[in-house]
PDB file of N, CA and C in Angstrom:
ATOM      1  N   MET A   1       0.848  -1.169   0.023  1.00  0.00           N
ATOM      2  CA  MET A   1       0.027  -0.001  -0.013  1.00  0.00           C
ATOM      3  C   MET A   1       0.834   1.315   0.018  1.00  0.00           C
ATOM      4  N   GLN A   2       0.533   2.197  -0.878  1.00  0.00           N
ATOM      5  CA  GLN A   2       1.334   3.445  -1.011  1.00  0.00           C
ATOM      6  C   GLN A   2       0.567   4.542  -0.121  1.00  0.00           C
ATOM      7  N   GLN A   3       1.317   5.296   0.462  1.00  0.00           N
ATOM      8  CA  GLN A   3       0.755   6.460   1.237  1.00  0.00           C
ATOM      9  C   GLN A   3       1.042   7.707   0.525  1.00  0.00           C
ATOM     10  N   HIS A   4       0.159   8.554   0.076  1.00  0.00           N
ATOM     11  CA  HIS A   4       0.498   9.655  -0.498  1.00  0.00           C
ATOM     12  C   HIS A   4       0.574  10.826   0.473  1.00  0.00           C
ATOM     13  N   GLN A   5       1.656  11.525   0.321  1.00  0.00           N
ATOM     14  CA  GLN A   5       1.891  12.729   1.279  1.00  0.00           C
ATOM     15  C   GLN A   5       1.410  13.969   0.612  1.00  0.00           C
ATOM     16  N   ARG A   6       0.649  14.659   1.386  1.00  0.00           N
ATOM     17  CA  ARG A   6       0.194  16.068   0.896  1.00  0.00           C
ATOM     18  C   ARG A   6       1.181  17.075   1.191  1.00  0.00           C
ATOM     19  N   ASN A   7       1.357  18.057   0.340  1.00  0.00           N
ATOM     20  CA  ASN A   7       2.084  19.294   0.626  1.00  0.00           C
ATOM     21  C   ASN A   7       1.304  20.230   1.276  1.00  0.00           C
ATOM     22  N   ARG A   8       1.534  20.313   2.657  1.00  0.00           N
ATOM     23  CA  ARG A   8       0.591  21.231   3.416  1.00  0.00           C
ATOM     24  C   ARG A   8       0.644  22.503   3.099  1.00  0.00           C
ATOM     25  N   GLY A   9       1.789  23.037   2.574  1.00  0.00           N
ATOM     26  CA  GLY A   9       1.856  24.430   2.068  1.00  0.00           C
ATOM     27  C   GLY A   9       0.904  24.787   0.964  1.00  0.00           C
ATOM     28  N   SER A  10       0.661  23.796   0.122  1.00  0.00           N
ATOM     29  CA  SER A  10      -0.132  24.220  -1.145  1.00  0.00           C
ATOM     30  C   SER A  10      -1.622  24.012  -1.000  1.00  0.00           C
ATOM     31  N   VAL A  11      -2.015  23.247   0.058  1.00  0.00           N
ATOM     32  CA  VAL A  11      -3.486  23.023   0.270  1.00  0.00           C
ATOM     33  C   VAL A  11      -3.860  23.993   1.363  1.00  0.00           C
ATOM     34  N   SER A  12      -4.872  24.751   1.189  1.00  0.00           N
ATOM     35  CA  SER A  12      -5.602  25.714   2.021  1.00  0.00           C
ATOM     36  C   SER A  12      -6.619  25.023   2.914  1.00  0.00           C
ATOM     37  N   ARG A  13      -6.600  25.245   4.128  1.00  0.00           N
ATOM     38  CA  ARG A  13      -7.560  24.633   4.940  1.00  0.00           C
ATOM     39  C   ARG A  13      -9.059  25.282   4.775  1.00  0.00           C
ATOM     40  N   HIS A  14      -9.068  26.519   4.345  1.00  0.00           N
ATOM     41  CA  HIS A  14     -10.259  27.208   4.047  1.00  0.00           C
ATOM     42  C   HIS A  14     -10.298  27.673   2.507  1.00  0.00           C
ATOM     43  N   PRO A  15     -10.709  26.728   1.715  1.00  0.00           N
ATOM     44  CA  PRO A  15     -10.450  27.255   0.278  1.00  0.00           C
ATOM     45  C   PRO A  15     -11.348  28.399  -0.208  1.00  0.00           C
ATOM     46  N   HIS A  16     -12.576  28.571   0.512  1.00  0.00           N
ATOM     47  CA  HIS A  16     -13.451  29.604   0.126  1.00  0.00           C
ATOM     48  C   HIS A  16     -13.422  30.865   0.953  1.00  0.00           C
ATOM     49  N   GLY A  17     -12.514  30.811   1.870  1.00  0.00           N
ATOM     50  CA  GLY A  17     -12.339  32.067   2.672  1.00  0.00           C
ATOM     51  C   GLY A  17     -13.301  32.110   3.833  1.00  0.00           C
ATOM     52  N   ASN A  18     -13.318  33.185   4.588  1.00  0.00           N
ATOM     53  CA  ASN A  18     -14.207  33.236   5.675  1.00  0.00           C
ATOM     54  C   ASN A  18     -15.296  34.040   5.363  1.00  0.00           C
ATOM     55  N   ALA A  19     -16.524  33.697   5.311  1.00  0.00           N
ATOM     56  CA  ALA A  19     -17.686  34.354   4.767  1.00  0.00           C
ATOM     57  C   ALA A  19     -17.963  35.638   5.684  1.00  0.00           C
ATOM     58  N   GLY A  20     -17.751  35.526   6.885  1.00  0.00           N
ATOM     59  CA  GLY A  20     -18.013  36.541   7.838  1.00  0.00           C
ATOM     60  C   GLY A  20     -17.115  37.841   7.570  1.00  0.00           C
ATOM     61  N   THR A  21     -15.894  37.460   7.271  1.00  0.00           N
ATOM     62  CA  THR A  21     -14.885  38.508   7.070  1.00  0.00           C
ATOM     63  C   THR A  21     -15.263  39.224   5.766  1.00  0.00           C
ATOM     64  N   ILE A  22     -15.605  38.406   4.675  1.00  0.00           N
ATOM     65  CA  ILE A  22     -15.949  38.846   3.362  1.00  0.00           C
ATOM     66  C   ILE A  22     -17.103  39.831   3.522  1.00  0.00           C
ATOM     67  N   LEU A  23     -18.107  39.434   4.244  1.00  0.00           N
ATOM     68  CA  LEU A  23     -19.433  40.368   4.451  1.00  0.00           C
ATOM     69  C   LEU A  23     -18.959  41.524   5.227  1.00  0.00           C
ATOM     70  N   LEU A  24     -18.057  41.498   6.222  1.00  0.00           N
ATOM     71  CA  LEU A  24     -17.727  42.635   6.918  1.00  0.00           C
ATOM     72  C   LEU A  24     -16.929  43.579   6.045  1.00  0.00           C
ATOM     73  N   VAL A  25     -16.058  43.128   5.246  1.00  0.00           N
ATOM     74  CA  VAL A  25     -15.382  44.133   4.290  1.00  0.00           C
ATOM     75  C   VAL A  25     -16.349  44.683   3.260  1.00  0.00           C
ATOM     76  N   VAL A  26     -17.278  44.043   2.805  1.00  0.00           N
ATOM     77  CA  VAL A  26     -18.281  44.494   1.855  1.00  0.00           C
ATOM     78  C   VAL A  26     -19.171  45.575   2.479  1.00  0.00           C
ATOM     79  N   HIS A  27     -19.468  45.558   3.709  1.00  0.00           N
ATOM     80  CA  HIS A  27     -20.255  46.441   4.324  1.00  0.00           C
ATOM     81  C   HIS A  27     -19.381  47.648   4.778  1.00  0.00           C
ATOM     82  N   GLY A  28     -18.264  47.352   5.015  1.00  0.00           N
ATOM     83  CA  GLY A  28     -17.283  48.528   5.199  1.00  0.00           C
ATOM     84  C   GLY A  28     -16.977  49.417   4.087  1.00  0.00           C
ATOM     85  N   VAL A  29     -16.834  48.737   2.836  1.00  0.00           N
ATOM     86  CA  VAL A  29     -16.611  49.413   1.555  1.00  0.00           C
ATOM     87  C   VAL A  29     -17.890  50.351   1.285  1.00  0.00           C
ATOM     88  N   LEU A  30     -19.088  49.686   1.456  1.00  0.00           N
ATOM     89  CA  LEU A  30     -20.312  50.337   1.170  1.00  0.00           C
ATOM     90  C   LEU A  30     -20.516  51.626   2.172  1.00  0.00           C
ATOM     91  N   LEU A  31     -20.080  51.566   3.376  1.00  0.00           N
ATOM     92  CA  LEU A  31     -20.134  52.561   4.208  1.00  0.00           C
ATOM     93  C   LEU A  31     -19.231  53.728   3.864  1.00  0.00           C
ATOM     94  N   LEU A  32     -17.923  53.372   3.465  1.00  0.00           N
ATOM     95  CA  LEU A  32     -17.080  54.386   2.992  1.00  0.00           C
ATOM     96  C   LEU A  32     -17.600  55.122   1.818  1.00  0.00           C
ATOM     97  N   LEU A  33     -18.149  54.422   0.920  1.00  0.00           N
ATOM     98  CA  LEU A  33     -18.672  55.095  -0.335  1.00  0.00           C
ATOM     99  C   LEU A  33     -19.850  55.990  -0.002  1.00  0.00           C
ATOM    100  N   LEU A  34     -20.697  55.579   0.962  1.00  0.00           N
ATOM    101  CA  LEU A  34     -21.823  56.472   1.377  1.00  0.00           C
ATOM    102  C   LEU A  34     -21.205  57.674   2.103  1.00  0.00           C
ATOM    103  N   ALA A  35     -20.292  57.583   3.005  1.00  0.00           N
ATOM    104  CA  ALA A  35     -19.632  58.706   3.624  1.00  0.00           C
ATOM    105  C   ALA A  35     -18.960  59.576   2.543  1.00  0.00           C
ATOM    106  N   GLY A  36     -18.245  59.043   1.446  1.00  0.00           N
ATOM    107  CA  GLY A  36     -17.668  59.802   0.425  1.00  0.00           C
ATOM    108  C   GLY A  36     -18.747  60.609  -0.301  1.00  0.00           C
ATOM    109  N   VAL A  37     -19.943  59.996  -0.649  1.00  0.00           N
ATOM    110  CA  VAL A  37     -20.980  60.714  -1.326  1.00  0.00           C
ATOM    111  C   VAL A  37     -21.479  61.897  -0.529  1.00  0.00           C
ATOM    112  N   VAL A  38     -21.609  61.748   0.864  1.00  0.00           N
ATOM    113  CA  VAL A  38     -22.198  62.757   1.789  1.00  0.00           C
ATOM    114  C   VAL A  38     -21.154  63.989   1.880  1.00  0.00           C
ATOM    115  N   LEU A  39     -19.953  63.584   1.855  1.00  0.00           N
ATOM    116  CA  LEU A  39     -18.870  64.682   1.989  1.00  0.00           C
ATOM    117  C   LEU A  39     -18.685  65.465   0.814  1.00  0.00           C
ATOM    118  N   CYS A  40     -18.802  64.698  -0.371  1.00  0.00           N
ATOM    119  CA  CYS A  40     -18.527  65.248  -1.710  1.00  0.00           C
ATOM    120  C   CYS A  40     -19.780  66.211  -2.208  1.00  0.00           C
ATOM    121  N   SER A  41     -20.973  65.640  -1.818  1.00  0.00           N
ATOM    122  CA  SER A  41     -22.244  66.301  -2.439  1.00  0.00           C
ATOM    123  C   SER A  41     -22.979  67.042  -1.289  1.00  0.00           C
ATOM    124  N   PRO A  42     -23.087  68.438  -1.344  1.00  0.00           N
ATOM    125  CA  PRO A  42     -23.721  69.223  -0.297  1.00  0.00           C
ATOM    126  C   PRO A  42     -25.162  68.815  -0.173  1.00  0.00           C
ATOM    127  N   HIS A  43     -25.793  68.274  -1.156  1.00  0.00           N
ATOM    128  CA  HIS A  43     -27.355  67.770  -1.171  1.00  0.00           C
ATOM    129  C   HIS A  43     -27.539  66.452  -0.608  1.00  0.00           C
ATOM    130  N   ALA A  44     -26.630  65.831  -0.464  1.00  0.00           N
ATOM    131  CA  ALA A  44     -26.695  64.321  -0.093  1.00  0.00           C
ATOM    132  C   ALA A  44     -27.330  64.143   1.349  1.00  0.00           C
ATOM    133  N   GLY A  45     -26.881  65.118   2.186  1.00  0.00           N
ATOM    134  CA  GLY A  45     -27.324  65.107   3.508  1.00  0.00           C
ATOM    135  C   GLY A  45     -28.921  65.396   3.553  1.00  0.00           C
ATOM    136  N   GLU A  46     -29.338  66.223   2.724  1.00  0.00           N
ATOM    137  CA  GLU A  46     -30.723  66.536   2.561  1.00  0.00           C
ATOM    138  C   GLU A  46     -31.499  65.406   2.068  1.00  0.00           C
ATOM    139  N   TRP A  47     -30.954  64.655   1.029  1.00  0.00           N
ATOM    140  CA  TRP A  47     -31.699  63.533   0.445  1.00  0.00           C
ATOM    141  C   TRP A  47     -31.815  62.432   1.564  1.00  0.00           C
ATOM    142  N   ILE A  48     -30.727  62.224   2.349  1.00  0.00           N
ATOM    143  CA  ILE A  48     -30.831  61.196   3.223  1.00  0.00           C
ATOM    144  C   ILE A  48     -31.892  61.557   4.435  1.00  0.00           C
ATOM    145  N   SER A  49     -31.949  62.883   4.761  1.00  0.00           N
ATOM    146  CA  SER A  49     -32.901  63.212   5.810  1.00  0.00           C
ATOM    147  C   SER A  49     -34.280  63.129   5.227  1.00  0.00           C
ATOM    148  N   GLU A  50     -34.420  63.507   4.017  1.00  0.00           N
ATOM    149  CA  GLU A  50     -35.911  63.442   3.416  1.00  0.00           C
ATOM    150  C   GLU A  50     -36.292  61.978   3.496  1.00  0.00           C
ATOM    151  N   THR A  51     -35.408  61.074   2.939  1.00  0.00           N
ATOM    152  CA  THR A  51     -35.689  59.647   2.775  1.00  0.00           C
ATOM    153  C   THR A  51     -36.072  59.115   4.140  1.00  0.00           C
ATOM    154  N   ALA A  52     -35.350  59.447   5.273  1.00  0.00           N
ATOM    155  CA  ALA A  52     -35.618  58.937   6.639  1.00  0.00           C
ATOM    156  C   ALA A  52     -36.943  59.368   7.155  1.00  0.00           C
ATOM    157  N   GLN A  53     -37.299  60.796   6.812  1.00  0.00           N
ATOM    158  CA  GLN A  53     -38.566  61.277   7.268  1.00  0.00           C
ATOM    159  C   GLN A  53     -39.746  60.551   6.478  1.00  0.00           C
ATOM    160  N   ALA A  54     -39.506  60.390   5.291  1.00  0.00           N
ATOM    161  CA  ALA A  54     -40.445  59.686   4.410  1.00  0.00           C
ATOM    162  C   ALA A  54     -40.776  58.323   4.904  1.00  0.00           C
ATOM    163  N   GLU A  55     -39.641  57.596   5.406  1.00  0.00           N
ATOM    164  CA  GLU A  55     -39.737  56.195   5.870  1.00  0.00           C
ATOM    165  C   GLU A  55     -40.447  56.134   7.200  1.00  0.00           C
ATOM    166  N   PHE A  56     -40.095  56.971   8.070  1.00  0.00           N
ATOM    167  CA  PHE A  56     -40.391  56.653   9.472  1.00  0.00           C
ATOM    168  C   PHE A  56     -41.567  57.666   9.979  1.00  0.00           C
ATOM    169  N   VAL A  57     -41.793  58.814   9.373  1.00  0.00           N
ATOM    170  CA  VAL A  57     -42.677  59.809   9.800  1.00  0.00           C
ATOM    171  C   VAL A  57     -43.852  59.678   8.877  1.00  0.00           C
ATOM    172  N   GLY A  58     -45.102  59.430   9.487  1.00  0.00           N
ATOM    173  CA  GLY A  58     -46.227  59.104   8.683  1.00  0.00           C
ATOM    174  C   GLY A  58     -47.368  60.093   9.236  1.00  0.00           C
ATOM    175  N   ALA A  59     -48.586  59.886   8.693  1.00  0.00           N
ATOM    176  CA  ALA A  59     -49.718  60.799   9.025  1.00  0.00           C
ATOM    177  C   ALA A  59     -50.118  60.463  10.503  1.00  0.00           C
ATOM    178  N   GLU A  60     -51.196  61.143  10.900  1.00  0.00           N
ATOM    179  CA  GLU A  60     -51.590  60.991  12.234  1.00  0.00           C
ATOM    180  C   GLU A  60     -51.951  59.434  12.560  1.00  0.00           C
ATOM    181  N   PRO A  61     -51.586  59.038  13.800  1.00  0.00           N
ATOM    182  CA  PRO A  61     -51.844  57.700  14.319  1.00  0.00           C
ATOM    183  C   PRO A  61     -53.424  57.371  14.243  1.00  0.00           C
ATOM    184  N   PRO A  62     -53.819  56.435  13.989  1.00  0.00           N
ATOM    185  CA  PRO A  62     -55.240  56.017  14.021  1.00  0.00           C
ATOM    186  C   PRO A  62     -55.803  56.259  15.557  1.00  0.00           C
ATOM    187  N   VAL A  63     -57.048  56.766  15.449  1.00  0.00           N
ATOM    188  CA  VAL A  63     -57.708  56.859  16.874  1.00  0.00           C
ATOM    189  C   VAL A  63     -58.251  55.438  17.243  1.00  0.00           C
ATOM    190  N   ILE A  64     -57.916  55.119  18.495  1.00  0.00           N
ATOM    191  CA  ILE A  64     -58.306  53.758  18.940  1.00  0.00           C
ATOM    192  C   ILE A  64     -59.425  54.021  19.961  1.00  0.00           C
ATOM    193  N   SER A  65     -60.562  53.570  19.656  1.00  0.00           N
ATOM    194  CA  SER A  65     -61.785  53.590  20.512  1.00  0.00           C
ATOM    195  C   SER A  65     -61.573  52.692  21.623  1.00  0.00           C
ATOM    196  N   PRO A  66     -62.232  52.956  22.858  1.00  0.00           N
ATOM    197  CA  PRO A  66     -62.210  51.964  23.850  1.00  0.00           C
ATOM    198  C   PRO A  66     -62.921  50.733  23.643  1.00  0.00           C
ATOM    199  N   THR A  67     -62.543  49.684  24.037  1.00  0.00           N
ATOM    200  CA  THR A  67     -63.153  48.339  23.845  1.00  0.00           C
ATOM    201  C   THR A  67     -64.397  48.267  24.579  1.00  0.00           C
ATOM    202  N   GLN A  68     -65.389  47.717  23.916  1.00  0.00           N
ATOM    203  CA  GLN A  68     -66.745  47.554  24.464  1.00  0.00           C
ATOM    204  C   GLN A  68     -67.005  46.022  24.563  1.00  0.00           C
ATOM    205  N   PHE A  69     -67.218  45.608  25.816  1.00  0.00           N
ATOM    206  CA  PHE A  69     -67.524  44.112  25.883  1.00  0.00           C
ATOM    207  C   PHE A  69     -68.942  43.812  25.777  1.00  0.00           C
ATOM    208  N   ALA A  70     -69.372  42.682  25.169  1.00  0.00           N
ATOM    209  CA  ALA A  70     -70.714  42.287  24.906  1.00  0.00           C
ATOM    210  C   ALA A  70     -71.308  42.056  26.301  1.00  0.00           C
ATOM    211  N   GLN A  71     -72.553  42.481  26.433  1.00  0.00           N
ATOM    212  CA  GLN A  71     -73.373  42.161  27.704  1.00  0.00           C
ATOM    213  C   GLN A  71     -74.557  41.175  27.311  1.00  0.00           C
ATOM    214  N   PRO A  72     -74.920  40.267  28.227  1.00  0.00           N
ATOM    215  CA  PRO A  72     -75.903  39.332  28.038  1.00  0.00           C
ATOM    216  C   PRO A  72     -77.316  40.086  27.893  1.00  0.00           C
ATOM    217  N   VAL A  73     -78.107  39.666  26.998  1.00  0.00           N
ATOM    218  CA  VAL A  73     -79.348  40.512  26.793  1.00  0.00           C
ATOM    219  C   VAL A  73     -80.346  40.029  27.684  1.00  0.00           C
ATOM    220  N   GLY A  74     -80.583  38.719  27.938  1.00  0.00           N
ATOM    221  CA  GLY A  74     -81.694  38.326  28.739  1.00  0.00           C
ATOM    222  C   GLY A  74     -81.230  37.254  29.908  1.00  0.00           C
ATOM    223  N   ASP A  75     -82.320  36.513  30.298  1.00  0.00           N
ATOM    224  CA  ASP A  75     -81.981  35.567  31.234  1.00  0.00           C
ATOM    225  C   ASP A  75     -81.255  34.449  30.704  1.00  0.00           C
ATOM    226  N   MET A  76     -80.471  33.721  31.608  1.00  0.00           N
ATOM    227  CA  MET A  76     -79.784  32.502  31.002  1.00  0.00           C
ATOM    228  C   MET A  76     -80.587  31.261  31.296  1.00  0.00           C
ATOM    229  N   TRP A  77     -80.711  30.542  30.393  1.00  0.00           N
ATOM    230  CA  TRP A  77     -81.516  29.171  30.449  1.00  0.00           C
ATOM    231  C   TRP A  77     -80.742  28.016  30.606  1.00  0.00           C
ATOM    232  N   THR A  78     -80.936  27.010  31.414  1.00  0.00           N
ATOM    233  CA  THR A  78     -80.303  25.919  31.322  1.00  0.00           C
ATOM    234  C   THR A  78     -81.074  24.617  31.074  1.00  0.00           C
ATOM    235  N   ALA A  79     -80.327  23.691  30.432  1.00  0.00           N
ATOM    236  CA  ALA A  79     -81.211  22.363  30.086  1.00  0.00           C
ATOM    237  C   ALA A  79     -80.781  21.353  30.904  1.00  0.00           C
ATOM    238  N   THR A  80     -81.871  20.588  31.440  1.00  0.00           N
ATOM    239  CA  THR A  80     -81.557  19.370  32.139  1.00  0.00           C
ATOM    240  C   THR A  80     -82.120  18.019  31.363  1.00  0.00           C
ATOM    241  N   VAL A  81     -81.347  17.013  31.824  1.00  0.00           N
ATOM    242  CA  VAL A  81     -81.867  15.761  31.211  1.00  0.00           C
ATOM    243  C   VAL A  81     -82.586  14.985  32.217  1.00  0.00           C
ATOM    244  N   HIS A  82     -83.835  14.479  31.960  1.00  0.00           N
ATOM    245  CA  HIS A  82     -84.669  13.854  32.741  1.00  0.00           C
ATOM    246  C   HIS A  82     -84.573  12.389  32.650  1.00  0.00           C
TER     247      HIS A  82
END
């Protein structure tokens, strides 16, 4: 029986990389791009403010009326088996 030896230097333990690190880097790049747009464009801050207001500020809240519980109308009848 022959045993094949691997060259540990050429084989990576994580061939696909760390997904959490990649996601963190992508979000960091997007944050830097957004910060660059805000700093370079004087109207970008207004756009962001208007967007946030349109998203979170709405019309008047609905008026909630008090809960009314049902009341029995007449006498309660019971049935018995003879």
